[in-house]
N, C-alpha and C. Protein backbone atom coordinates (compact mmCIF):
# COMPACT_ATOMS: atom_id res chain seq x y z
N MET A 1 0.51 -202.23 -16.32
CA MET A 1 0.53 -201.80 -15.14
C MET A 1 -0.09 -200.59 -15.90
N PRO A 2 -1.18 -199.81 -15.32
CA PRO A 2 -1.85 -198.77 -16.42
C PRO A 2 -1.27 -197.55 -16.32
N THR A 3 -1.23 -196.82 -17.24
CA THR A 3 -1.00 -195.58 -17.28
C THR A 3 -1.56 -194.44 -16.91
N THR A 4 -1.82 -193.44 -16.61
CA THR A 4 -2.75 -192.16 -16.97
C THR A 4 -2.12 -191.17 -17.55
N SER A 5 -3.21 -190.77 -18.67
CA SER A 5 -3.00 -189.72 -19.62
C SER A 5 -2.45 -188.34 -18.99
N PRO A 6 -1.74 -187.28 -19.54
CA PRO A 6 -1.77 -186.09 -18.97
C PRO A 6 -3.39 -185.41 -18.81
N GLN A 7 -4.29 -185.66 -19.85
CA GLN A 7 -5.20 -185.30 -19.71
C GLN A 7 -6.17 -185.37 -18.40
N HIS A 8 -6.08 -186.98 -18.45
CA HIS A 8 -6.70 -187.40 -16.67
C HIS A 8 -6.10 -187.10 -15.59
N ASN A 9 -4.89 -186.53 -15.73
CA ASN A 9 -4.22 -186.30 -14.11
C ASN A 9 -4.78 -184.93 -14.20
N LYS A 10 -4.76 -184.21 -15.40
CA LYS A 10 -5.36 -182.63 -14.90
C LYS A 10 -6.66 -182.80 -14.41
N ILE A 11 -7.55 -183.64 -15.12
CA ILE A 11 -8.45 -183.76 -15.02
C ILE A 11 -8.99 -183.77 -13.13
N LEU A 12 -8.03 -185.07 -12.96
CA LEU A 12 -8.18 -185.23 -11.48
C LEU A 12 -7.79 -184.19 -10.55
N VAL A 13 -6.58 -183.46 -11.06
CA VAL A 13 -6.20 -182.30 -10.20
C VAL A 13 -7.47 -181.21 -10.20
N SER A 14 -8.07 -181.10 -11.23
CA SER A 14 -8.90 -179.83 -11.14
C SER A 14 -10.18 -180.24 -10.44
N ILE A 15 -10.24 -181.70 -10.24
CA ILE A 15 -11.48 -182.38 -9.39
C ILE A 15 -10.82 -182.14 -8.10
N LEU A 16 -9.74 -182.20 -7.69
CA LEU A 16 -9.31 -182.23 -6.26
C LEU A 16 -9.27 -180.72 -5.78
N ALA A 17 -8.87 -180.15 -6.51
CA ALA A 17 -8.69 -178.58 -6.13
C ALA A 17 -9.81 -177.81 -6.03
N GLY A 18 -11.32 -178.25 -6.64
CA GLY A 18 -12.25 -177.88 -6.55
C GLY A 18 -12.92 -178.38 -5.02
N LEU A 19 -12.63 -179.60 -4.84
CA LEU A 19 -12.88 -180.28 -3.49
C LEU A 19 -12.24 -179.13 -2.56
N GLY A 20 -11.00 -178.98 -2.78
CA GLY A 20 -10.39 -178.20 -1.52
C GLY A 20 -10.62 -177.08 -1.40
N VAL A 21 -11.91 -176.33 -2.45
CA VAL A 21 -11.76 -174.71 -2.12
C VAL A 21 -12.79 -174.97 -0.75
N GLY A 22 -13.38 -175.50 -0.31
CA GLY A 22 -14.44 -176.12 0.54
C GLY A 22 -13.86 -176.02 2.08
N LEU A 23 -12.64 -176.79 1.91
CA LEU A 23 -11.94 -176.92 3.03
C LEU A 23 -11.48 -175.84 4.13
N ILE A 24 -11.79 -175.34 5.56
CA ILE A 24 -11.68 -174.07 6.15
C ILE A 24 -10.18 -174.40 7.03
N VAL A 25 -9.27 -173.96 7.16
CA VAL A 25 -8.54 -174.47 7.94
C VAL A 25 -8.42 -173.71 9.05
N VAL A 26 -8.50 -173.90 10.45
CA VAL A 26 -9.02 -173.17 11.86
C VAL A 26 -7.44 -173.49 12.69
N SER A 27 -7.12 -172.45 12.89
CA SER A 27 -5.59 -172.70 14.24
C SER A 27 -6.15 -172.16 15.88
N ILE A 28 -5.80 -173.05 16.54
CA ILE A 28 -5.88 -172.88 17.98
C ILE A 28 -4.54 -172.54 18.48
N SER A 29 -4.23 -171.47 19.27
CA SER A 29 -3.04 -170.96 19.29
C SER A 29 -3.29 -171.03 20.81
N GLY A 30 -2.37 -170.62 22.02
CA GLY A 30 -2.14 -170.44 23.48
C GLY A 30 -1.05 -170.24 23.90
N SER A 31 -1.37 -170.19 25.40
CA SER A 31 -0.15 -170.00 26.36
C SER A 31 -0.19 -170.95 27.45
N CYS A 32 1.26 -171.36 27.72
CA CYS A 32 1.13 -172.34 29.03
C CYS A 32 2.35 -171.51 29.98
N ASP A 33 1.90 -171.52 31.16
CA ASP A 33 2.79 -170.67 31.74
C ASP A 33 3.87 -171.75 32.73
N ALA A 34 5.07 -171.64 33.98
CA ALA A 34 5.62 -172.56 34.08
C ALA A 34 5.34 -173.94 34.66
N ASN A 35 4.05 -173.75 35.47
CA ASN A 35 3.39 -174.94 35.69
C ASN A 35 2.66 -175.61 34.75
N SER A 36 2.57 -175.69 33.84
CA SER A 36 2.22 -176.34 32.42
C SER A 36 0.46 -176.01 32.48
N ASN A 37 0.22 -174.77 33.07
CA ASN A 37 -1.54 -174.56 32.72
C ASN A 37 -1.57 -173.57 31.52
N CYS A 38 -2.29 -174.12 30.51
CA CYS A 38 -2.31 -173.90 29.14
C CYS A 38 -3.92 -173.26 29.09
N VAL A 39 -3.71 -171.94 28.39
CA VAL A 39 -4.70 -170.96 28.39
C VAL A 39 -5.18 -171.03 27.02
N PRO A 40 -6.03 -171.78 26.12
CA PRO A 40 -6.31 -171.50 24.60
C PRO A 40 -6.48 -170.19 24.39
N GLN A 41 -5.89 -169.65 23.41
CA GLN A 41 -6.67 -168.62 22.45
C GLN A 41 -7.30 -168.52 21.47
N VAL A 42 -8.38 -168.84 20.63
CA VAL A 42 -8.67 -168.57 19.53
C VAL A 42 -8.16 -167.63 18.54
N ALA A 43 -7.60 -168.45 17.64
CA ALA A 43 -7.09 -167.07 16.32
C ALA A 43 -8.21 -166.20 16.23
N GLN A 44 -7.85 -165.17 15.75
CA GLN A 44 -8.88 -163.90 15.16
C GLN A 44 -8.76 -164.86 14.26
N ASN A 45 -10.30 -164.06 12.89
CA ASN A 45 -10.85 -164.41 12.19
C ASN A 45 -9.96 -163.12 11.34
N PRO A 46 -9.32 -164.03 10.24
CA PRO A 46 -9.10 -162.86 9.61
C PRO A 46 -9.52 -162.94 7.95
N MET A 47 -10.14 -163.67 7.77
CA MET A 47 -11.38 -163.81 6.58
C MET A 47 -12.57 -163.27 6.98
N GLY A 48 -13.05 -162.70 7.89
CA GLY A 48 -14.40 -162.00 8.35
C GLY A 48 -15.49 -163.29 7.92
N LEU A 49 -15.08 -164.25 8.11
CA LEU A 49 -15.83 -165.77 8.40
C LEU A 49 -16.48 -165.72 9.46
N PRO A 50 -18.06 -166.24 9.23
CA PRO A 50 -18.99 -166.14 10.43
C PRO A 50 -18.65 -167.80 11.20
N LEU A 51 -18.63 -167.20 12.53
CA LEU A 51 -17.96 -168.47 13.62
C LEU A 51 -19.22 -169.28 13.81
N VAL A 52 -18.73 -170.41 13.71
CA VAL A 52 -19.94 -171.26 13.88
C VAL A 52 -20.08 -172.57 15.08
N ALA A 53 -20.88 -172.38 15.89
CA ALA A 53 -20.63 -173.10 17.22
C ALA A 53 -21.53 -174.53 16.96
N PRO A 54 -21.10 -175.69 17.35
CA PRO A 54 -21.76 -176.75 17.34
C PRO A 54 -23.11 -177.43 17.90
N ILE A 55 -23.65 -177.41 17.22
CA ILE A 55 -25.48 -177.78 18.16
C ILE A 55 -25.45 -179.15 18.61
N VAL A 56 -25.73 -178.62 19.87
CA VAL A 56 -26.35 -180.07 20.99
C VAL A 56 -27.27 -179.83 21.57
N SER A 57 -28.19 -180.80 21.54
CA SER A 57 -29.15 -181.00 22.29
C SER A 57 -28.90 -181.21 23.47
N SER A 58 -29.83 -180.92 24.18
CA SER A 58 -30.46 -180.99 25.46
C SER A 58 -31.25 -182.32 25.87
N GLU A 59 -31.92 -182.62 24.91
CA GLU A 59 -32.88 -183.74 24.98
C GLU A 59 -32.64 -184.86 25.25
N PRO A 60 -33.12 -186.03 25.98
CA PRO A 60 -32.79 -187.27 26.57
C PRO A 60 -32.82 -188.07 25.10
N THR A 61 -31.96 -188.84 24.96
CA THR A 61 -32.09 -189.50 23.54
C THR A 61 -33.04 -190.24 23.28
N SER A 62 -33.76 -190.83 24.87
CA SER A 62 -34.95 -191.38 24.25
C SER A 62 -36.39 -190.54 24.03
N ASP A 63 -36.13 -189.53 23.70
CA ASP A 63 -36.97 -188.78 23.38
C ASP A 63 -36.79 -188.37 21.90
N ARG A 64 -36.11 -188.59 21.21
CA ARG A 64 -35.59 -188.70 20.06
C ARG A 64 -35.83 -189.78 19.07
N GLY A 65 -36.32 -190.63 19.58
CA GLY A 65 -36.84 -191.79 18.59
C GLY A 65 -36.15 -192.86 19.11
N ASP A 66 -36.41 -194.25 18.34
CA ASP A 66 -35.86 -195.60 18.75
C ASP A 66 -34.52 -195.38 17.59
N PHE A 67 -33.14 -195.06 17.98
CA PHE A 67 -32.16 -195.15 17.18
C PHE A 67 -31.46 -196.73 17.60
N SER A 68 -31.93 -197.54 18.06
CA SER A 68 -30.96 -198.54 18.47
C SER A 68 -30.49 -199.46 17.13
N THR A 69 -31.22 -199.25 16.02
CA THR A 69 -31.29 -200.15 14.70
C THR A 69 -30.47 -199.00 13.90
N PRO A 70 -29.62 -199.20 13.16
CA PRO A 70 -28.45 -198.65 12.13
C PRO A 70 -29.93 -198.15 10.93
N ALA A 71 -29.51 -197.12 10.93
CA ALA A 71 -30.57 -196.42 9.34
C ALA A 71 -29.72 -197.06 8.10
N ARG A 72 -30.96 -197.79 7.43
CA ARG A 72 -30.09 -198.21 5.90
C ARG A 72 -30.27 -197.39 4.84
N VAL A 73 -29.08 -196.76 4.49
CA VAL A 73 -29.20 -195.38 3.65
C VAL A 73 -28.53 -196.38 2.06
N LYS A 74 -29.08 -195.92 1.11
CA LYS A 74 -28.97 -196.36 -0.28
C LYS A 74 -27.78 -195.39 -0.87
N VAL A 75 -26.41 -195.70 -1.21
CA VAL A 75 -26.16 -194.62 -1.64
C VAL A 75 -25.79 -194.68 -3.45
N LYS A 76 -26.14 -193.81 -4.25
CA LYS A 76 -25.94 -194.24 -5.26
C LYS A 76 -24.54 -193.90 -5.57
N ASP A 77 -23.74 -194.97 -6.49
CA ASP A 77 -22.54 -194.94 -6.79
C ASP A 77 -22.08 -194.03 -8.01
N ASP A 78 -21.70 -192.92 -7.94
CA ASP A 78 -21.63 -191.94 -9.34
C ASP A 78 -20.07 -191.94 -9.98
N ARG A 79 -19.46 -193.12 -9.54
CA ARG A 79 -18.25 -193.81 -10.71
C ARG A 79 -18.63 -194.27 -11.40
N PRO A 80 -17.92 -193.96 -12.84
CA PRO A 80 -18.25 -194.83 -13.96
C PRO A 80 -17.94 -196.35 -13.84
N ALA A 81 -18.51 -196.97 -14.68
CA ALA A 81 -18.10 -198.76 -14.79
C ALA A 81 -16.62 -198.65 -15.55
N PRO A 82 -15.83 -199.54 -15.05
CA PRO A 82 -14.37 -199.81 -15.40
C PRO A 82 -14.50 -199.68 -17.22
N LEU A 83 -15.24 -199.96 -17.74
CA LEU A 83 -15.15 -199.87 -19.07
C LEU A 83 -15.71 -198.77 -19.99
N GLN A 84 -16.47 -197.91 -18.94
CA GLN A 84 -17.15 -196.62 -19.91
C GLN A 84 -15.68 -195.70 -19.11
N SER A 85 -15.13 -195.89 -18.46
CA SER A 85 -14.13 -194.86 -17.77
C SER A 85 -13.04 -195.77 -19.01
N ALA A 86 -12.88 -196.60 -19.22
CA ALA A 86 -11.56 -197.01 -20.46
C ALA A 86 -11.95 -196.73 -21.73
N GLN A 87 -13.37 -196.45 -22.07
CA GLN A 87 -13.89 -195.98 -22.94
C GLN A 87 -13.59 -194.55 -23.16
N ILE A 88 -13.59 -193.72 -22.07
CA ILE A 88 -13.62 -192.26 -21.97
C ILE A 88 -12.15 -192.23 -22.34
N ASP A 89 -11.13 -192.61 -21.69
CA ASP A 89 -9.75 -192.72 -21.88
C ASP A 89 -9.11 -193.33 -23.37
N ARG A 90 -10.12 -194.07 -23.89
CA ARG A 90 -9.82 -194.12 -25.31
C ARG A 90 -9.77 -192.95 -26.11
N GLN A 91 -11.31 -192.64 -26.00
CA GLN A 91 -11.72 -191.15 -26.55
C GLN A 91 -10.45 -189.92 -26.61
N GLU A 92 -9.80 -189.69 -24.99
CA GLU A 92 -9.08 -188.60 -24.88
C GLU A 92 -7.89 -189.31 -25.63
N ALA A 93 -7.36 -190.12 -25.53
CA ALA A 93 -6.20 -190.88 -26.27
C ALA A 93 -6.16 -190.46 -27.81
N GLN A 94 -7.44 -190.74 -28.62
CA GLN A 94 -7.80 -190.43 -29.80
C GLN A 94 -7.31 -188.82 -29.85
N VAL A 95 -7.69 -187.97 -28.99
CA VAL A 95 -7.69 -186.59 -29.29
C VAL A 95 -6.60 -186.17 -29.01
N ALA A 96 -5.93 -186.71 -28.30
CA ALA A 96 -4.54 -186.71 -28.19
C ALA A 96 -3.86 -186.58 -29.36
N VAL A 97 -3.79 -187.96 -29.92
CA VAL A 97 -3.20 -188.52 -31.24
C VAL A 97 -3.40 -187.32 -32.14
N SER A 98 -4.81 -186.77 -32.10
CA SER A 98 -5.12 -186.08 -33.54
C SER A 98 -3.84 -184.46 -33.41
N LEU A 99 -4.11 -184.19 -31.96
CA LEU A 99 -3.76 -182.97 -31.88
C LEU A 99 -1.83 -183.08 -32.01
N SER A 100 -1.18 -184.12 -31.54
CA SER A 100 -0.34 -184.56 -31.46
C SER A 100 0.11 -184.16 -33.28
N GLN A 101 -0.61 -185.02 -34.04
CA GLN A 101 -0.49 -185.05 -35.54
C GLN A 101 -0.14 -183.66 -35.91
N ALA A 102 -1.34 -183.13 -35.55
CA ALA A 102 -1.77 -181.84 -35.75
C ALA A 102 0.26 -180.89 -35.70
N GLN A 103 0.11 -180.84 -34.38
CA GLN A 103 1.80 -180.33 -33.88
C GLN A 103 2.76 -180.53 -34.83
N LEU A 104 2.66 -182.29 -35.13
CA LEU A 104 3.84 -182.15 -35.69
C LEU A 104 3.94 -181.83 -37.36
N ALA A 105 2.45 -181.63 -37.98
CA ALA A 105 2.37 -180.90 -39.00
C ALA A 105 2.72 -179.88 -39.17
N GLN A 106 2.79 -178.80 -38.32
CA GLN A 106 3.15 -177.83 -38.12
C GLN A 106 4.68 -177.72 -38.04
N ALA A 107 5.23 -178.66 -37.02
CA ALA A 107 6.58 -178.35 -37.09
C ALA A 107 7.13 -179.08 -37.92
N ARG A 108 6.87 -179.80 -38.91
CA ARG A 108 7.22 -179.94 -40.28
C ARG A 108 7.41 -178.98 -41.39
N ILE A 109 6.48 -178.40 -41.41
CA ILE A 109 6.31 -177.03 -42.23
C ILE A 109 7.15 -175.97 -41.53
N ASN A 110 7.36 -175.53 -40.23
CA ASN A 110 8.25 -174.86 -39.75
C ASN A 110 9.53 -175.11 -40.09
N LEU A 111 9.79 -176.28 -40.24
CA LEU A 111 11.33 -177.33 -40.34
C LEU A 111 11.74 -176.83 -41.76
N ILE A 112 10.63 -176.66 -42.62
CA ILE A 112 10.90 -176.80 -44.22
C ILE A 112 11.32 -175.07 -44.40
N GLU A 113 10.48 -174.68 -43.73
CA GLU A 113 10.44 -172.66 -43.47
C GLU A 113 12.13 -172.40 -43.22
N PHE A 114 12.16 -172.86 -42.25
CA PHE A 114 13.60 -172.27 -41.23
C PHE A 114 14.94 -172.96 -42.21
N GLN A 115 14.72 -173.82 -42.78
CA GLN A 115 15.72 -174.48 -43.69
C GLN A 115 15.88 -173.75 -45.05
N ALA A 116 14.49 -173.59 -45.58
CA ALA A 116 14.94 -173.06 -46.73
C ALA A 116 15.98 -171.04 -46.18
N LYS A 117 15.19 -170.55 -45.31
CA LYS A 117 15.73 -169.80 -45.05
C LYS A 117 17.30 -169.35 -44.58
N TYR A 118 17.30 -170.94 -43.98
CA TYR A 118 19.04 -171.04 -43.73
C TYR A 118 19.87 -171.23 -44.74
N ASP A 119 19.17 -171.95 -45.70
CA ASP A 119 20.07 -172.27 -46.77
C ASP A 119 20.25 -170.88 -47.59
N SER A 120 19.29 -170.20 -47.72
CA SER A 120 19.25 -168.64 -48.52
C SER A 120 20.31 -167.95 -47.92
N ALA A 121 20.45 -167.89 -46.45
CA ALA A 121 21.26 -166.95 -45.65
C ALA A 121 22.89 -167.49 -45.88
N LYS A 122 23.35 -168.80 -46.28
CA LYS A 122 24.31 -169.04 -46.14
C LYS A 122 24.56 -168.84 -47.85
N ILE A 123 23.57 -168.65 -48.73
CA ILE A 123 23.79 -168.36 -50.42
C ILE A 123 24.85 -166.61 -50.11
N LEU A 124 23.63 -166.15 -49.32
CA LEU A 124 23.88 -164.80 -49.41
C LEU A 124 25.14 -164.35 -48.57
N ALA A 125 25.44 -165.00 -47.78
CA ALA A 125 26.35 -164.70 -46.78
C ALA A 125 27.62 -165.00 -47.63
N GLN A 126 27.67 -165.95 -48.35
CA GLN A 126 28.90 -166.36 -49.23
C GLN A 126 29.01 -165.12 -50.29
N GLN A 127 27.98 -164.39 -50.83
CA GLN A 127 28.00 -163.41 -51.73
C GLN A 127 28.41 -161.95 -50.90
N GLY A 128 28.25 -162.39 -49.63
CA GLY A 128 28.89 -160.88 -48.86
C GLY A 128 27.55 -159.87 -48.61
N GLN A 129 26.32 -160.69 -49.12
CA GLN A 129 25.06 -159.61 -48.73
C GLN A 129 24.17 -159.76 -47.40
N VAL A 130 24.73 -161.03 -46.59
CA VAL A 130 24.04 -160.74 -45.12
C VAL A 130 25.42 -161.26 -44.14
N SER A 131 25.13 -159.97 -43.06
CA SER A 131 25.89 -160.27 -42.20
C SER A 131 26.45 -161.68 -41.73
N ARG A 132 27.62 -162.13 -40.55
CA ARG A 132 27.49 -163.44 -40.20
C ARG A 132 26.81 -163.61 -39.02
N GLN A 133 26.12 -162.49 -38.16
CA GLN A 133 25.19 -162.29 -37.27
C GLN A 133 23.63 -163.02 -38.17
N GLN A 134 23.37 -162.21 -39.04
CA GLN A 134 22.37 -162.86 -39.83
C GLN A 134 22.49 -164.12 -40.08
N LEU A 135 23.41 -164.89 -40.59
CA LEU A 135 23.98 -166.26 -40.65
C LEU A 135 23.39 -166.62 -39.54
N ASP A 136 23.96 -166.64 -38.33
CA ASP A 136 23.77 -167.54 -37.18
C ASP A 136 22.43 -167.38 -36.71
N THR A 137 21.86 -166.27 -36.88
CA THR A 137 20.45 -166.35 -36.92
C THR A 137 19.70 -167.08 -36.96
N ALA A 138 19.70 -167.18 -38.29
CA ALA A 138 18.91 -168.08 -39.16
C ALA A 138 19.18 -169.60 -38.98
N LYS A 139 20.58 -169.82 -38.71
CA LYS A 139 21.15 -171.43 -38.47
C LYS A 139 20.61 -171.72 -36.57
N ALA A 140 20.58 -170.68 -36.24
CA ALA A 140 19.66 -170.79 -34.70
C ALA A 140 18.30 -171.34 -34.75
N ALA A 141 17.32 -170.64 -35.84
CA ALA A 141 16.00 -170.94 -35.64
C ALA A 141 15.83 -172.18 -36.76
N TYR A 142 16.90 -172.45 -37.76
CA TYR A 142 16.97 -173.79 -37.93
C TYR A 142 17.15 -175.06 -37.04
N ASN A 143 17.98 -175.25 -36.40
CA ASN A 143 18.32 -175.77 -35.44
C ASN A 143 17.15 -175.95 -34.20
N LEU A 144 16.35 -174.63 -33.86
CA LEU A 144 15.63 -174.63 -32.86
C LEU A 144 14.09 -175.67 -33.56
N ALA A 145 14.32 -175.44 -34.62
CA ALA A 145 12.60 -175.92 -35.88
C ALA A 145 12.75 -177.38 -35.97
N GLN A 146 14.40 -177.66 -35.82
CA GLN A 146 14.68 -179.14 -35.99
C GLN A 146 14.31 -180.03 -34.67
N VAL A 147 14.51 -179.45 -33.37
CA VAL A 147 14.35 -179.76 -32.12
C VAL A 147 12.79 -180.07 -31.83
N GLN A 148 12.18 -178.71 -32.53
CA GLN A 148 10.27 -178.88 -32.33
C GLN A 148 9.87 -179.93 -33.33
N HIS A 149 10.79 -180.47 -34.31
CA HIS A 149 10.24 -181.32 -34.98
C HIS A 149 10.60 -182.95 -34.18
N ARG A 150 11.56 -182.92 -34.00
CA ARG A 150 11.99 -183.96 -32.79
C ARG A 150 11.40 -184.16 -32.02
N ALA A 151 10.84 -183.46 -31.03
CA ALA A 151 9.99 -183.25 -30.21
C ALA A 151 8.06 -183.75 -30.34
N ALA A 152 8.07 -183.00 -31.44
CA ALA A 152 6.50 -183.11 -32.34
C ALA A 152 6.58 -185.00 -32.17
N LEU A 153 7.55 -185.75 -33.32
CA LEU A 153 7.84 -186.79 -33.46
C LEU A 153 7.49 -187.69 -32.35
N ILE A 154 8.55 -187.06 -31.28
CA ILE A 154 8.45 -187.86 -30.18
C ILE A 154 6.80 -187.63 -29.04
N GLY A 155 6.13 -186.56 -29.50
CA GLY A 155 5.05 -186.65 -29.27
C GLY A 155 3.83 -187.54 -29.63
N VAL A 156 3.83 -187.70 -31.04
CA VAL A 156 2.82 -188.38 -32.00
C VAL A 156 3.11 -189.96 -31.22
N GLN A 157 4.43 -190.09 -31.09
CA GLN A 157 4.72 -191.65 -30.33
C GLN A 157 4.24 -191.66 -29.38
N ASP A 158 4.12 -191.00 -27.87
CA ASP A 158 3.66 -191.18 -27.17
C ASP A 158 2.04 -191.18 -27.04
N SER A 159 1.49 -190.49 -27.80
CA SER A 159 0.19 -190.28 -27.57
C SER A 159 -0.36 -191.84 -28.47
N THR A 160 0.29 -191.96 -29.50
CA THR A 160 -0.35 -193.20 -29.95
C THR A 160 0.06 -194.69 -29.12
N ALA A 161 0.76 -194.44 -28.79
CA ALA A 161 1.16 -195.75 -27.42
C ALA A 161 0.29 -195.35 -26.05
N GLN A 162 -0.23 -194.53 -25.70
CA GLN A 162 -1.15 -194.10 -24.99
C GLN A 162 -2.73 -194.59 -25.62
N LEU A 163 -2.74 -194.09 -27.25
CA LEU A 163 -4.23 -195.08 -27.43
C LEU A 163 -4.03 -196.38 -27.95
N VAL A 164 -2.77 -197.07 -28.12
CA VAL A 164 -2.76 -198.46 -28.25
C VAL A 164 -3.31 -199.03 -26.73
N ALA A 165 -2.46 -198.50 -25.69
CA ALA A 165 -2.89 -198.75 -24.48
C ALA A 165 -4.43 -199.04 -24.35
N ALA A 166 -4.93 -197.94 -24.54
CA ALA A 166 -6.14 -197.63 -24.07
C ALA A 166 -7.12 -198.46 -25.17
N LYS A 167 -7.07 -198.80 -26.08
CA LYS A 167 -7.56 -199.34 -26.93
C LYS A 167 -7.83 -201.04 -26.05
N ALA A 168 -6.19 -201.28 -25.58
CA ALA A 168 -6.31 -202.74 -24.99
C ALA A 168 -7.00 -203.03 -23.83
N GLU A 169 -7.17 -201.53 -22.96
CA GLU A 169 -7.81 -201.74 -22.10
C GLU A 169 -9.03 -202.16 -21.87
N VAL A 170 -9.81 -201.37 -23.05
CA VAL A 170 -11.38 -201.64 -23.28
C VAL A 170 -11.65 -202.50 -23.94
N SER A 171 -11.20 -203.58 -24.80
CA SER A 171 -10.86 -204.62 -25.40
C SER A 171 -10.81 -205.72 -24.35
N ARG A 172 -10.10 -205.65 -23.29
CA ARG A 172 -9.54 -206.28 -22.18
C ARG A 172 -10.98 -205.76 -21.25
N LEU A 173 -11.53 -204.91 -21.45
CA LEU A 173 -12.94 -205.22 -20.14
C LEU A 173 -14.01 -205.41 -21.12
N SER A 174 -13.98 -205.29 -21.99
CA SER A 174 -15.21 -205.82 -22.96
C SER A 174 -15.69 -207.13 -22.85
N ARG A 175 -14.07 -207.90 -23.05
CA ARG A 175 -14.16 -209.40 -22.85
C ARG A 175 -15.11 -209.34 -21.69
N LYS A 176 -13.73 -208.80 -20.20
CA LYS A 176 -14.57 -209.55 -19.35
C LYS A 176 -15.88 -209.18 -18.76
N THR A 177 -16.25 -208.46 -19.48
CA THR A 177 -18.14 -207.62 -19.23
C THR A 177 -18.62 -209.21 -20.13
N HIS A 178 -18.16 -209.24 -20.95
CA HIS A 178 -18.88 -209.94 -21.87
C HIS A 178 -19.27 -211.49 -21.32
N THR A 179 -17.63 -212.11 -20.64
CA THR A 179 -17.75 -213.61 -19.71
C THR A 179 -18.57 -213.47 -18.84
N THR A 180 -18.74 -212.34 -17.94
CA THR A 180 -19.22 -212.18 -16.83
C THR A 180 -20.42 -212.11 -17.36
N THR A 181 -21.27 -211.09 -18.26
CA THR A 181 -22.62 -212.01 -18.74
C THR A 181 -23.01 -212.61 -18.93
N GLU A 182 -22.23 -214.01 -19.59
CA GLU A 182 -22.70 -215.12 -19.82
C GLU A 182 -22.67 -216.25 -18.80
N MET A 183 -22.06 -215.91 -17.78
CA MET A 183 -22.43 -216.86 -16.19
C MET A 183 -23.29 -216.76 -15.80
């Protein structure tokens, strides 16, 4: 079962949102009396958009030419080939692995730093130079750094798994394309 990367989902949502910008919803309301005689009332145009009436020709259809045969229109398919799409997914997964590795490195630095601060605060608290509240704050910061480090580890594992899956998909599609071209 193929999985989609978070980046792929964001791209899809962005595309769908872009397409949705052009949609306009027109509401029609009306009133009906007791005899079910309904009188529609078009809603006010609150956005100030121009109202467009449909264009209807009064010419007979015979004057417009012969439309008895359907027009043949060749439409270019703008969708990328499955192999190209899989290669793009692989590249996105490689970027995600790099980003998650950078986040792990930063989390590791933070963990070391906050552990040192917490260890120092424990020693100073034993000597009476630091208050209990400062020690608790240092401990909370260290605990947070531990949680962030674990989350970064999970992020690296997830992005690596996505990269392995993307590489496998590219390999599968490459073999499929190779066997198809041989036939």
